[in-house]
Each structure stands twice: as structure tokens, then as C-alpha cells.
Amino acid sequence: LGMAIPQLIGILLSQVLVNQIRDQIKLQLYNQQHRAD
């Protein structure tokens, strides 16, 4: 279990960060599209 927990933590953190980065990219695209309005 001690060997598995760090691996699961790494998988969880990386997936959370990936989702956050994707949301940030969508936000930047949204801002760029509406900047000229």
C-alpha cells in the first residue's frame, strides 16, 4: 500500500492539473474571441 499510494497520488494530481490547464486554455480562447467586442 505504501508503494501504491505515491503512484495513485501522482496519477490524481497530474489528471487534476491537466483538467485545470484545459479549462485555462478554454478561458484564454474565450477572452481572445471577445476582446474585440
PDB file of all heavy atoms in Angstrom:
ATOM      1  N   LEU A   1       0.827  -1.204   0.000  1.00  0.00           N
ATOM      2  CA  LEU A   1       0.000   0.000   0.000  1.00  0.00           C
ATOM      3  C   LEU A   1       0.863   1.257   0.000  1.00  0.00           C
ATOM      4  O   LEU A   1       0.548   2.248  -0.679  1.00  0.00           O
ATOM      5  CB  LEU A   1      -0.918  -0.009   1.220  1.00  0.00           C
ATOM      6  CG  LEU A   1      -1.955   1.114   1.317  1.00  0.00           C
ATOM      7  CD1 LEU A   1      -2.929   1.033   0.136  1.00  0.00           C
ATOM      8  CD2 LEU A   1      -2.711   1.027   2.633  1.00  0.00           C
ATOM      9  N   GLY A   2       1.976   1.194   0.737  1.00  0.00           N
ATOM     10  CA  GLY A   2       2.889   2.328   0.763  1.00  0.00           C
ATOM     11  C   GLY A   2       3.524   2.595  -0.593  1.00  0.00           C
ATOM     12  O   GLY A   2       3.848   3.736  -0.926  1.00  0.00           O
ATOM     13  N   MET A   3       3.706   1.537  -1.395  1.00  0.00           N
ATOM     14  CA  MET A   3       4.227   1.718  -2.748  1.00  0.00           C
ATOM     15  C   MET A   3       3.147   2.219  -3.705  1.00  0.00           C
ATOM     16  O   MET A   3       3.441   2.947  -4.657  1.00  0.00           O
ATOM     17  CB  MET A   3       4.800   0.398  -3.263  1.00  0.00           C
ATOM     18  CG  MET A   3       6.024  -0.093  -2.521  1.00  0.00           C
ATOM     19  SD  MET A   3       6.572  -1.710  -3.109  1.00  0.00           S
ATOM     20  CE  MET A   3       6.919  -1.359  -4.821  1.00  0.00           C
ATOM     21  N   ALA A   4       1.904   1.825  -3.457  1.00  0.00           N
ATOM     22  CA  ALA A   4       0.815   2.181  -4.372  1.00  0.00           C
ATOM     23  C   ALA A   4       0.336   3.608  -4.152  1.00  0.00           C
ATOM     24  O   ALA A   4      -0.031   4.293  -5.117  1.00  0.00           O
ATOM     25  CB  ALA A   4      -0.348   1.204  -4.200  1.00  0.00           C
ATOM     26  N   ILE A   5       0.329   4.070  -2.892  1.00  0.00           N
ATOM     27  CA  ILE A   5      -0.217   5.399  -2.590  1.00  0.00           C
ATOM     28  C   ILE A   5       0.507   6.523  -3.334  1.00  0.00           C
ATOM     29  O   ILE A   5      -0.152   7.383  -3.936  1.00  0.00           O
ATOM     30  CB  ILE A   5      -0.216   5.636  -1.063  1.00  0.00           C
ATOM     31  CG1 ILE A   5      -1.321   4.802  -0.400  1.00  0.00           C
ATOM     32  CG2 ILE A   5      -0.410   7.111  -0.746  1.00  0.00           C
ATOM     33  CD1 ILE A   5      -1.385   4.939   1.103  1.00  0.00           C
ATOM     34  N   PRO A   6       1.870   6.568  -3.337  1.00  0.00           N
ATOM     35  CA  PRO A   6       2.526   7.631  -4.106  1.00  0.00           C
ATOM     36  C   PRO A   6       2.177   7.598  -5.590  1.00  0.00           C
ATOM     37  O   PRO A   6       2.039   8.661  -6.222  1.00  0.00           O
ATOM     38  CB  PRO A   6       4.024   7.356  -3.879  1.00  0.00           C
ATOM     39  CG  PRO A   6       4.079   6.603  -2.600  1.00  0.00           C
ATOM     40  CD  PRO A   6       2.848   5.758  -2.589  1.00  0.00           C
ATOM     41  N   GLN A   7       2.034   6.401  -6.157  1.00  0.00           N
ATOM     42  CA  GLN A   7       1.668   6.298  -7.563  1.00  0.00           C
ATOM     43  C   GLN A   7       0.266   6.849  -7.800  1.00  0.00           C
ATOM     44  O   GLN A   7       0.036   7.599  -8.765  1.00  0.00           O
ATOM     45  CB  GLN A   7       1.757   4.848  -8.018  1.00  0.00           C
ATOM     46  CG  GLN A   7       3.145   4.255  -7.905  1.00  0.00           C
ATOM     47  CD  GLN A   7       3.176   2.772  -8.236  1.00  0.00           C
ATOM     48  OE1 GLN A   7       2.395   2.288  -9.037  1.00  0.00           O
ATOM     49  NE2 GLN A   7       4.083   2.048  -7.619  1.00  0.00           N
ATOM     50  N   LEU A   8      -0.674   6.485  -6.937  1.00  0.00           N
ATOM     51  CA  LEU A   8      -2.048   6.982  -7.087  1.00  0.00           C
ATOM     52  C   LEU A   8      -2.121   8.488  -6.878  1.00  0.00           C
ATOM     53  O   LEU A   8      -2.877   9.182  -7.578  1.00  0.00           O
ATOM     54  CB  LEU A   8      -2.959   6.253  -6.091  1.00  0.00           C
ATOM     55  CG  LEU A   8      -3.129   4.747  -6.321  1.00  0.00           C
ATOM     56  CD1 LEU A   8      -3.971   4.130  -5.207  1.00  0.00           C
ATOM     57  CD2 LEU A   8      -3.762   4.471  -7.675  1.00  0.00           C
ATOM     58  N   ILE A   9      -1.327   9.003  -5.929  1.00  0.00           N
ATOM     59  CA  ILE A   9      -1.297  10.454  -5.708  1.00  0.00           C
ATOM     60  C   ILE A   9      -0.768  11.164  -6.953  1.00  0.00           C
ATOM     61  O   ILE A   9      -1.311  12.191  -7.385  1.00  0.00           O
ATOM     62  CB  ILE A   9      -0.446  10.795  -4.475  1.00  0.00           C
ATOM     63  CG1 ILE A   9      -1.143  10.318  -3.192  1.00  0.00           C
ATOM     64  CG2 ILE A   9      -0.173  12.291  -4.399  1.00  0.00           C
ATOM     65  CD1 ILE A   9      -0.333  10.535  -1.944  1.00  0.00           C
ATOM     66  N   GLY A  10       0.298  10.616  -7.539  1.00  0.00           N
ATOM     67  CA  GLY A  10       0.852  11.208  -8.748  1.00  0.00           C
ATOM     68  C   GLY A  10      -0.134  11.202  -9.897  1.00  0.00           C
ATOM     69  O   GLY A  10      -0.264  12.198 -10.633  1.00  0.00           O
ATOM     70  N   ILE A  11      -0.850  10.073 -10.075  1.00  0.00           N
ATOM     71  CA  ILE A  11      -1.861   9.991 -11.139  1.00  0.00           C
ATOM     72  C   ILE A  11      -2.970  11.007 -10.903  1.00  0.00           C
ATOM     73  O   ILE A  11      -3.402  11.720 -11.820  1.00  0.00           O
ATOM     74  CB  ILE A  11      -2.433   8.564 -11.218  1.00  0.00           C
ATOM     75  CG1 ILE A  11      -1.351   7.564 -11.631  1.00  0.00           C
ATOM     76  CG2 ILE A  11      -3.607   8.491 -12.196  1.00  0.00           C
ATOM     77  CD1 ILE A  11      -1.777   6.115 -11.525  1.00  0.00           C
ATOM     78  N   LEU A  12      -3.453  11.102  -9.653  1.00  0.00           N
ATOM     79  CA  LEU A  12      -4.551  12.026  -9.323  1.00  0.00           C
ATOM     80  C   LEU A  12      -4.141  13.474  -9.541  1.00  0.00           C
ATOM     81  O   LEU A  12      -4.873  14.251 -10.185  1.00  0.00           O
ATOM     82  CB  LEU A  12      -4.982  11.791  -7.874  1.00  0.00           C
ATOM     83  CG  LEU A  12      -6.073  12.718  -7.334  1.00  0.00           C
ATOM     84  CD1 LEU A  12      -7.359  12.528  -8.124  1.00  0.00           C
ATOM     85  CD2 LEU A  12      -6.307  12.473  -5.849  1.00  0.00           C
ATOM     86  N   LEU A  13      -2.978  13.868  -9.023  1.00  0.00           N
ATOM     87  CA  LEU A  13      -2.531  15.251  -9.165  1.00  0.00           C
ATOM     88  C   LEU A  13      -2.314  15.629 -10.632  1.00  0.00           C
ATOM     89  O   LEU A  13      -2.671  16.743 -11.051  1.00  0.00           O
ATOM     90  CB  LEU A  13      -1.235  15.461  -8.372  1.00  0.00           C
ATOM     91  CG  LEU A  13      -1.349  15.465  -6.848  1.00  0.00           C
ATOM     92  CD1 LEU A  13       0.021  15.619  -6.208  1.00  0.00           C
ATOM     93  CD2 LEU A  13      -2.273  16.582  -6.373  1.00  0.00           C
ATOM     94  N   SER A  14      -1.732  14.718 -11.400  1.00  0.00           N
ATOM     95  CA  SER A  14      -1.475  15.027 -12.808  1.00  0.00           C
ATOM     96  C   SER A  14      -2.777  15.197 -13.582  1.00  0.00           C
ATOM     97  O   SER A  14      -2.897  16.109 -14.417  1.00  0.00           O
ATOM     98  CB  SER A  14      -0.627  13.923 -13.448  1.00  0.00           C
ATOM     99  OG  SER A  14      -1.290  12.667 -13.409  1.00  0.00           O
ATOM    100  N   GLN A  15      -3.776  14.359 -13.303  1.00  0.00           N
ATOM    101  CA  GLN A  15      -5.044  14.487 -14.007  1.00  0.00           C
ATOM    102  C   GLN A  15      -5.793  15.755 -13.596  1.00  0.00           C
ATOM    103  O   GLN A  15      -6.427  16.411 -14.427  1.00  0.00           O
ATOM    104  CB  GLN A  15      -5.913  13.255 -13.740  1.00  0.00           C
ATOM    105  CG  GLN A  15      -5.425  11.989 -14.443  1.00  0.00           C
ATOM    106  CD  GLN A  15      -5.314  12.179 -15.938  1.00  0.00           C
ATOM    107  OE1 GLN A  15      -6.227  12.657 -16.591  1.00  0.00           O
ATOM    108  NE2 GLN A  15      -4.166  11.794 -16.486  1.00  0.00           N
ATOM    109  N   VAL A  16      -5.719  16.106 -12.318  1.00  0.00           N
ATOM    110  CA  VAL A  16      -6.341  17.358 -11.864  1.00  0.00           C
ATOM    111  C   VAL A  16      -5.691  18.546 -12.555  1.00  0.00           C
ATOM    112  O   VAL A  16      -6.376  19.469 -13.034  1.00  0.00           O
ATOM    113  CB  VAL A  16      -6.225  17.484 -10.331  1.00  0.00           C
ATOM    114  CG1 VAL A  16      -6.622  18.883  -9.877  1.00  0.00           C
ATOM    115  CG2 VAL A  16      -7.101  16.448  -9.638  1.00  0.00           C
ATOM    116  N   LEU A  17      -4.347  18.530 -12.618  1.00  0.00           N
ATOM    117  CA  LEU A  17      -3.636  19.637 -13.256  1.00  0.00           C
ATOM    118  C   LEU A  17      -3.935  19.712 -14.752  1.00  0.00           C
ATOM    119  O   LEU A  17      -4.086  20.808 -15.313  1.00  0.00           O
ATOM    120  CB  LEU A  17      -2.131  19.495 -13.012  1.00  0.00           C
ATOM    121  CG  LEU A  17      -1.258  20.651 -13.492  1.00  0.00           C
ATOM    122  CD1 LEU A  17      -1.695  21.959 -12.849  1.00  0.00           C
ATOM    123  CD2 LEU A  17       0.212  20.381 -13.174  1.00  0.00           C
ATOM    124  N   VAL A  18      -4.025  18.567 -15.416  1.00  0.00           N
ATOM    125  CA  VAL A  18      -4.348  18.544 -16.846  1.00  0.00           C
ATOM    126  C   VAL A  18      -5.725  19.166 -17.088  1.00  0.00           C
ATOM    127  O   VAL A  18      -5.910  19.978 -18.010  1.00  0.00           O
ATOM    128  CB  VAL A  18      -4.299  17.101 -17.397  1.00  0.00           C
ATOM    129  CG1 VAL A  18      -4.984  17.009 -18.759  1.00  0.00           C
ATOM    130  CG2 VAL A  18      -2.869  16.623 -17.507  1.00  0.00           C
ATOM    131  N   ASN A  19      -6.701  18.801 -16.273  1.00  0.00           N
ATOM    132  CA  ASN A  19      -8.047  19.378 -16.424  1.00  0.00           C
ATOM    133  C   ASN A  19      -8.044  20.878 -16.173  1.00  0.00           C
ATOM    134  O   ASN A  19      -8.741  21.638 -16.858  1.00  0.00           O
ATOM    135  CB  ASN A  19      -9.020  18.686 -15.475  1.00  0.00           C
ATOM    136  CG  ASN A  19      -9.290  17.245 -15.866  1.00  0.00           C
ATOM    137  OD1 ASN A  19      -9.217  16.885 -17.043  1.00  0.00           O
ATOM    138  ND2 ASN A  19      -9.598  16.403 -14.887  1.00  0.00           N
ATOM    139  N   GLN A  20      -7.268  21.325 -15.187  1.00  0.00           N
ATOM    140  CA  GLN A  20      -7.174  22.756 -14.911  1.00  0.00           C
ATOM    141  C   GLN A  20      -6.523  23.505 -16.077  1.00  0.00           C
ATOM    142  O   GLN A  20      -6.960  24.611 -16.438  1.00  0.00           O
ATOM    143  CB  GLN A  20      -6.386  22.998 -13.623  1.00  0.00           C
ATOM    144  CG  GLN A  20      -7.100  22.536 -12.368  1.00  0.00           C
ATOM    145  CD  GLN A  20      -6.275  22.759 -11.115  1.00  0.00           C
ATOM    146  OE1 GLN A  20      -5.086  23.070 -11.182  1.00  0.00           O
ATOM    147  NE2 GLN A  20      -6.908  22.599  -9.953  1.00  0.00           N
ATOM    148  N   ILE A  21      -5.489  22.917 -16.666  1.00  0.00           N
ATOM    149  CA  ILE A  21      -4.818  23.554 -17.804  1.00  0.00           C
ATOM    150  C   ILE A  21      -5.767  23.649 -18.992  1.00  0.00           C
ATOM    151  O   ILE A  21      -5.818  24.667 -19.698  1.00  0.00           O
ATOM    152  CB  ILE A  21      -3.546  22.767 -18.182  1.00  0.00           C
ATOM    153  CG1 ILE A  21      -2.511  22.852 -17.054  1.00  0.00           C
ATOM    154  CG2 ILE A  21      -2.943  23.302 -19.473  1.00  0.00           C
ATOM    155  CD1 ILE A  21      -1.304  21.957 -17.249  1.00  0.00           C
ATOM    156  N   ARG A  22      -6.550  22.621 -19.246  1.00  0.00           N
ATOM    157  CA  ARG A  22      -7.515  22.638 -20.346  1.00  0.00           C
ATOM    158  C   ARG A  22      -8.581  23.714 -20.127  1.00  0.00           C
ATOM    159  O   ARG A  22      -8.960  24.417 -21.064  1.00  0.00           O
ATOM    160  CB  ARG A  22      -8.158  21.265 -20.497  1.00  0.00           C
ATOM    161  CG  ARG A  22      -7.223  20.222 -21.126  1.00  0.00           C
ATOM    162  CD  ARG A  22      -7.834  18.845 -21.125  1.00  0.00           C
ATOM    163  NE  ARG A  22      -6.995  17.887 -21.836  1.00  0.00           N
ATOM    164  CZ  ARG A  22      -7.149  16.573 -21.802  1.00  0.00           C
ATOM    165  NH1 ARG A  22      -8.134  16.043 -21.071  1.00  0.00           N
ATOM    166  NH2 ARG A  22      -6.346  15.783 -22.485  1.00  0.00           N
ATOM    167  N   ASP A  23      -9.047  23.838 -18.882  1.00  0.00           N
ATOM    168  CA  ASP A  23     -10.015  24.890 -18.577  1.00  0.00           C
ATOM    169  C   ASP A  23      -9.405  26.269 -18.773  1.00  0.00           C
ATOM    170  O   ASP A  23     -10.075  27.199 -19.260  1.00  0.00           O
ATOM    171  CB  ASP A  23     -10.531  24.743 -17.146  1.00  0.00           C
ATOM    172  CG  ASP A  23     -11.406  23.511 -16.962  1.00  0.00           C
ATOM    173  OD1 ASP A  23     -11.953  23.029 -17.971  1.00  0.00           O
ATOM    174  OD2 ASP A  23     -11.530  23.031 -15.813  1.00  0.00           O
ATOM    175  N   GLN A  24      -8.129  26.409 -18.415  1.00  0.00           N
ATOM    176  CA  GLN A  24      -7.451  27.690 -18.589  1.00  0.00           C
ATOM    177  C   GLN A  24      -7.291  28.021 -20.071  1.00  0.00           C
ATOM    178  O   GLN A  24      -7.451  29.195 -20.474  1.00  0.00           O
ATOM    179  CB  GLN A  24      -6.076  27.650 -17.909  1.00  0.00           C
ATOM    180  CG  GLN A  24      -5.292  28.939 -17.985  1.00  0.00           C
ATOM    181  CD  GLN A  24      -5.974  30.073 -17.250  1.00  0.00           C
ATOM    182  OE1 GLN A  24      -6.771  29.845 -16.347  1.00  0.00           O
ATOM    183  NE2 GLN A  24      -5.666  31.312 -17.652  1.00  0.00           N
ATOM    184  N   ILE A  25      -7.005  27.031 -20.892  1.00  0.00           N
ATOM    185  CA  ILE A  25      -6.887  27.253 -22.339  1.00  0.00           C
ATOM    186  C   ILE A  25      -8.235  27.705 -22.915  1.00  0.00           C
ATOM    187  O   ILE A  25      -8.297  28.625 -23.749  1.00  0.00           O
ATOM    188  CB  ILE A  25      -6.391  25.976 -23.036  1.00  0.00           C
ATOM    189  CG1 ILE A  25      -4.944  25.680 -22.626  1.00  0.00           C
ATOM    190  CG2 ILE A  25      -6.482  26.110 -24.550  1.00  0.00           C
ATOM    191  CD1 ILE A  25      -4.412  24.359 -23.158  1.00  0.00           C
ATOM    192  N   LYS A  26      -9.313  27.060 -22.476  1.00  0.00           N
ATOM    193  CA  LYS A  26     -10.645  27.465 -22.940  1.00  0.00           C
ATOM    194  C   LYS A  26     -10.957  28.901 -22.537  1.00  0.00           C
ATOM    195  O   LYS A  26     -11.545  29.667 -23.320  1.00  0.00           O
ATOM    196  CB  LYS A  26     -11.703  26.521 -22.366  1.00  0.00           C
ATOM    197  CG  LYS A  26     -11.627  25.096 -22.903  1.00  0.00           C
ATOM    198  CD  LYS A  26     -12.687  24.217 -22.249  1.00  0.00           C
ATOM    199  CE  LYS A  26     -12.596  22.779 -22.753  1.00  0.00           C
ATOM    200  NZ  LYS A  26     -13.598  21.912 -22.078  1.00  0.00           N
ATOM    201  N   LEU A  27     -10.557  29.273 -21.317  1.00  0.00           N
ATOM    202  CA  LEU A  27     -10.786  30.639 -20.853  1.00  0.00           C
ATOM    203  C   LEU A  27     -10.005  31.638 -21.689  1.00  0.00           C
ATOM    204  O   LEU A  27     -10.522  32.711 -22.054  1.00  0.00           O
ATOM    205  CB  LEU A  27     -10.407  30.754 -19.376  1.00  0.00           C
ATOM    206  CG  LEU A  27     -10.520  32.146 -18.751  1.00  0.00           C
ATOM    207  CD1 LEU A  27     -11.971  32.632 -18.782  1.00  0.00           C
ATOM    208  CD2 LEU A  27      -9.989  32.143 -17.329  1.00  0.00           C
ATOM    209  N   GLN A  28      -8.754  31.328 -22.017  1.00  0.00           N
ATOM    210  CA  GLN A  28      -7.942  32.228 -22.822  1.00  0.00           C
ATOM    211  C   GLN A  28      -8.521  32.391 -24.226  1.00  0.00           C
ATOM    212  O   GLN A  28      -8.540  33.491 -24.779  1.00  0.00           O
ATOM    213  CB  GLN A  28      -6.508  31.703 -22.891  1.00  0.00           C
ATOM    214  CG  GLN A  28      -5.767  31.782 -21.569  1.00  0.00           C
ATOM    215  CD  GLN A  28      -4.397  31.138 -21.622  1.00  0.00           C
ATOM    216  OE1 GLN A  28      -4.046  30.470 -22.595  1.00  0.00           O
ATOM    217  NE2 GLN A  28      -3.615  31.332 -20.569  1.00  0.00           N
ATOM    218  N   LEU A  29      -8.999  31.294 -24.811  1.00  0.00           N
ATOM    219  CA  LEU A  29      -9.624  31.378 -26.132  1.00  0.00           C
ATOM    220  C   LEU A  29     -10.890  32.217 -26.080  1.00  0.00           C
ATOM    221  O   LEU A  29     -11.172  33.009 -26.990  1.00  0.00           O
ATOM    222  CB  LEU A  29      -9.936  29.968 -26.653  1.00  0.00           C
ATOM    223  CG  LEU A  29      -8.724  29.085 -26.992  1.00  0.00           C
ATOM    224  CD1 LEU A  29      -9.184  27.682 -27.380  1.00  0.00           C
ATOM    225  CD2 LEU A  29      -7.914  29.710 -28.130  1.00  0.00           C
ATOM    226  N   TYR A  30     -11.650  32.055 -25.024  1.00  0.00           N
ATOM    227  CA  TYR A  30     -12.883  32.831 -24.859  1.00  0.00           C
ATOM    228  C   TYR A  30     -12.561  34.323 -24.759  1.00  0.00           C
ATOM    229  O   TYR A  30     -13.222  35.163 -25.381  1.00  0.00           O
ATOM    230  CB  TYR A  30     -13.624  32.351 -23.616  1.00  0.00           C
ATOM    231  CG  TYR A  30     -14.884  33.115 -23.316  1.00  0.00           C
ATOM    232  CD1 TYR A  30     -16.089  32.807 -23.953  1.00  0.00           C
ATOM    233  CD2 TYR A  30     -14.871  34.167 -22.396  1.00  0.00           C
ATOM    234  CE1 TYR A  30     -17.245  33.519 -23.672  1.00  0.00           C
ATOM    235  CE2 TYR A  30     -16.016  34.881 -22.109  1.00  0.00           C
ATOM    236  CZ  TYR A  30     -17.210  34.551 -22.756  1.00  0.00           C
ATOM    237  OH  TYR A  30     -18.347  35.254 -22.483  1.00  0.00           O
ATOM    238  N   ASN A  31     -11.532  34.665 -23.984  1.00  0.00           N
ATOM    239  CA  ASN A  31     -11.153  36.066 -23.821  1.00  0.00           C
ATOM    240  C   ASN A  31     -10.653  36.663 -25.134  1.00  0.00           C
ATOM    241  O   ASN A  31     -10.933  37.819 -25.454  1.00  0.00           O
ATOM    242  CB  ASN A  31     -10.084  36.212 -22.742  1.00  0.00           C
ATOM    243  CG  ASN A  31     -10.641  35.981 -21.340  1.00  0.00           C
ATOM    244  OD1 ASN A  31     -11.838  36.155 -21.113  1.00  0.00           O
ATOM    245  ND2 ASN A  31      -9.782  35.588 -20.413  1.00  0.00           N
ATOM    246  N   GLN A  32      -9.893  35.867 -25.893  1.00  0.00           N
ATOM    247  CA  GLN A  32      -9.386  36.356 -27.168  1.00  0.00           C
ATOM    248  C   GLN A  32     -10.517  36.621 -28.162  1.00  0.00           C
ATOM    249  O   GLN A  32     -10.476  37.577 -28.926  1.00  0.00           O
ATOM    250  CB  GLN A  32      -8.396  35.342 -27.758  1.00  0.00           C
ATOM    251  CG  GLN A  32      -7.078  35.258 -27.001  1.00  0.00           C
ATOM    252  CD  GLN A  32      -6.171  34.168 -27.545  1.00  0.00           C
ATOM    253  OE1 GLN A  32      -6.508  33.481 -28.507  1.00  0.00           O
ATOM    254  NE2 GLN A  32      -5.012  34.015 -26.923  1.00  0.00           N
ATOM    255  N   GLN A  33     -11.532  35.761 -28.154  1.00  0.00           N
ATOM    256  CA  GLN A  33     -12.651  35.920 -29.078  1.00  0.00           C
ATOM    257  C   GLN A  33     -13.490  37.143 -28.759  1.00  0.00           C
ATOM    258  O   GLN A  33     -14.091  37.761 -29.644  1.00  0.00           O
ATOM    259  CB  GLN A  33     -13.522  34.672 -29.066  1.00  0.00           C
ATOM    260  CG  GLN A  33     -12.849  33.445 -29.661  1.00  0.00           C
ATOM    261  CD  GLN A  33     -13.677  32.185 -29.476  1.00  0.00           C
ATOM    262  OE1 GLN A  33     -14.743  32.223 -28.868  1.00  0.00           O
ATOM    263  NE2 GLN A  33     -13.186  31.069 -29.990  1.00  0.00           N
ATOM    264  N   HIS A  34     -13.567  37.520 -27.485  1.00  0.00           N
ATOM    265  CA  HIS A  34     -14.419  38.627 -27.072  1.00  0.00           C
ATOM    266  C   HIS A  34     -13.629  39.896 -26.776  1.00  0.00           C
ATOM    267  O   HIS A  34     -14.213  40.889 -26.352  1.00  0.00           O
ATOM    268  CB  HIS A  34     -15.224  38.241 -25.821  1.00  0.00           C
ATOM    269  CG  HIS A  34     -16.220  37.150 -26.069  1.00  0.00           C
ATOM    270  ND1 HIS A  34     -15.850  35.832 -26.157  1.00  0.00           N
ATOM    271  CD2 HIS A  34     -17.572  37.195 -26.262  1.00  0.00           C
ATOM    272  CE1 HIS A  34     -16.934  35.093 -26.375  1.00  0.00           C
ATOM    273  NE2 HIS A  34     -17.994  35.889 -26.449  1.00  0.00           N
ATOM    274  N   ARG A  35     -12.313  39.858 -26.999  1.00  0.00           N
ATOM    275  CA  ARG A  35     -11.507  41.042 -26.689  1.00  0.00           C
ATOM    276  C   ARG A  35     -11.879  42.226 -27.597  1.00  0.00           C
ATOM    277  O   ARG A  35     -11.850  43.387 -27.191  1.00  0.00           O
ATOM    278  CB  ARG A  35     -10.018  40.723 -26.837  1.00  0.00           C
ATOM    279  CG  ARG A  35      -9.103  41.752 -26.214  1.00  0.00           C
ATOM    280  CD  ARG A  35      -7.646  41.397 -26.452  1.00  0.00           C
ATOM    281  NE  ARG A  35      -7.358  40.087 -25.903  1.00  0.00           N
ATOM    282  CZ  ARG A  35      -6.970  39.871 -24.645  1.00  0.00           C
ATOM    283  NH1 ARG A  35      -6.894  40.908 -23.808  1.00  0.00           N
ATOM    284  NH2 ARG A  35      -6.704  38.665 -24.209  1.00  0.00           N
ATOM    285  N   ALA A  36     -12.234  41.931 -28.879  1.00  0.00           N
ATOM    286  CA  ALA A  36     -12.552  42.998 -29.827  1.00  0.00           C
ATOM    287  C   ALA A  36     -13.985  43.499 -29.706  1.00  0.00           C
ATOM    288  O   ALA A  36     -14.376  44.457 -30.383  1.00  0.00           O
ATOM    289  CB  ALA A  36     -12.297  42.506 -31.270  1.00  0.00           C
ATOM    290  N   ASP A  37     -14.802  42.884 -28.874  1.00  0.00           N
ATOM    291  CA  ASP A  37     -16.200  43.284 -28.736  1.00  0.00           C
ATOM    292  C   ASP A  37     -16.252  44.577 -27.910  1.00  0.00           C
ATOM    293  O   ASP A  37     -15.888  44.598 -26.737  1.00  0.00           O
ATOM    294  CB  ASP A  37     -16.970  42.161 -28.030  1.00  0.00           C
ATOM    295  CG  ASP A  37     -18.475  42.458 -27.994  1.00  0.00           C
ATOM    296  OD1 ASP A  37     -18.883  43.555 -28.459  1.00  0.00           O
ATOM    297  OD2 ASP A  37     -19.228  41.593 -27.509  1.00  0.00           O
TER     298      ASP A  37
END
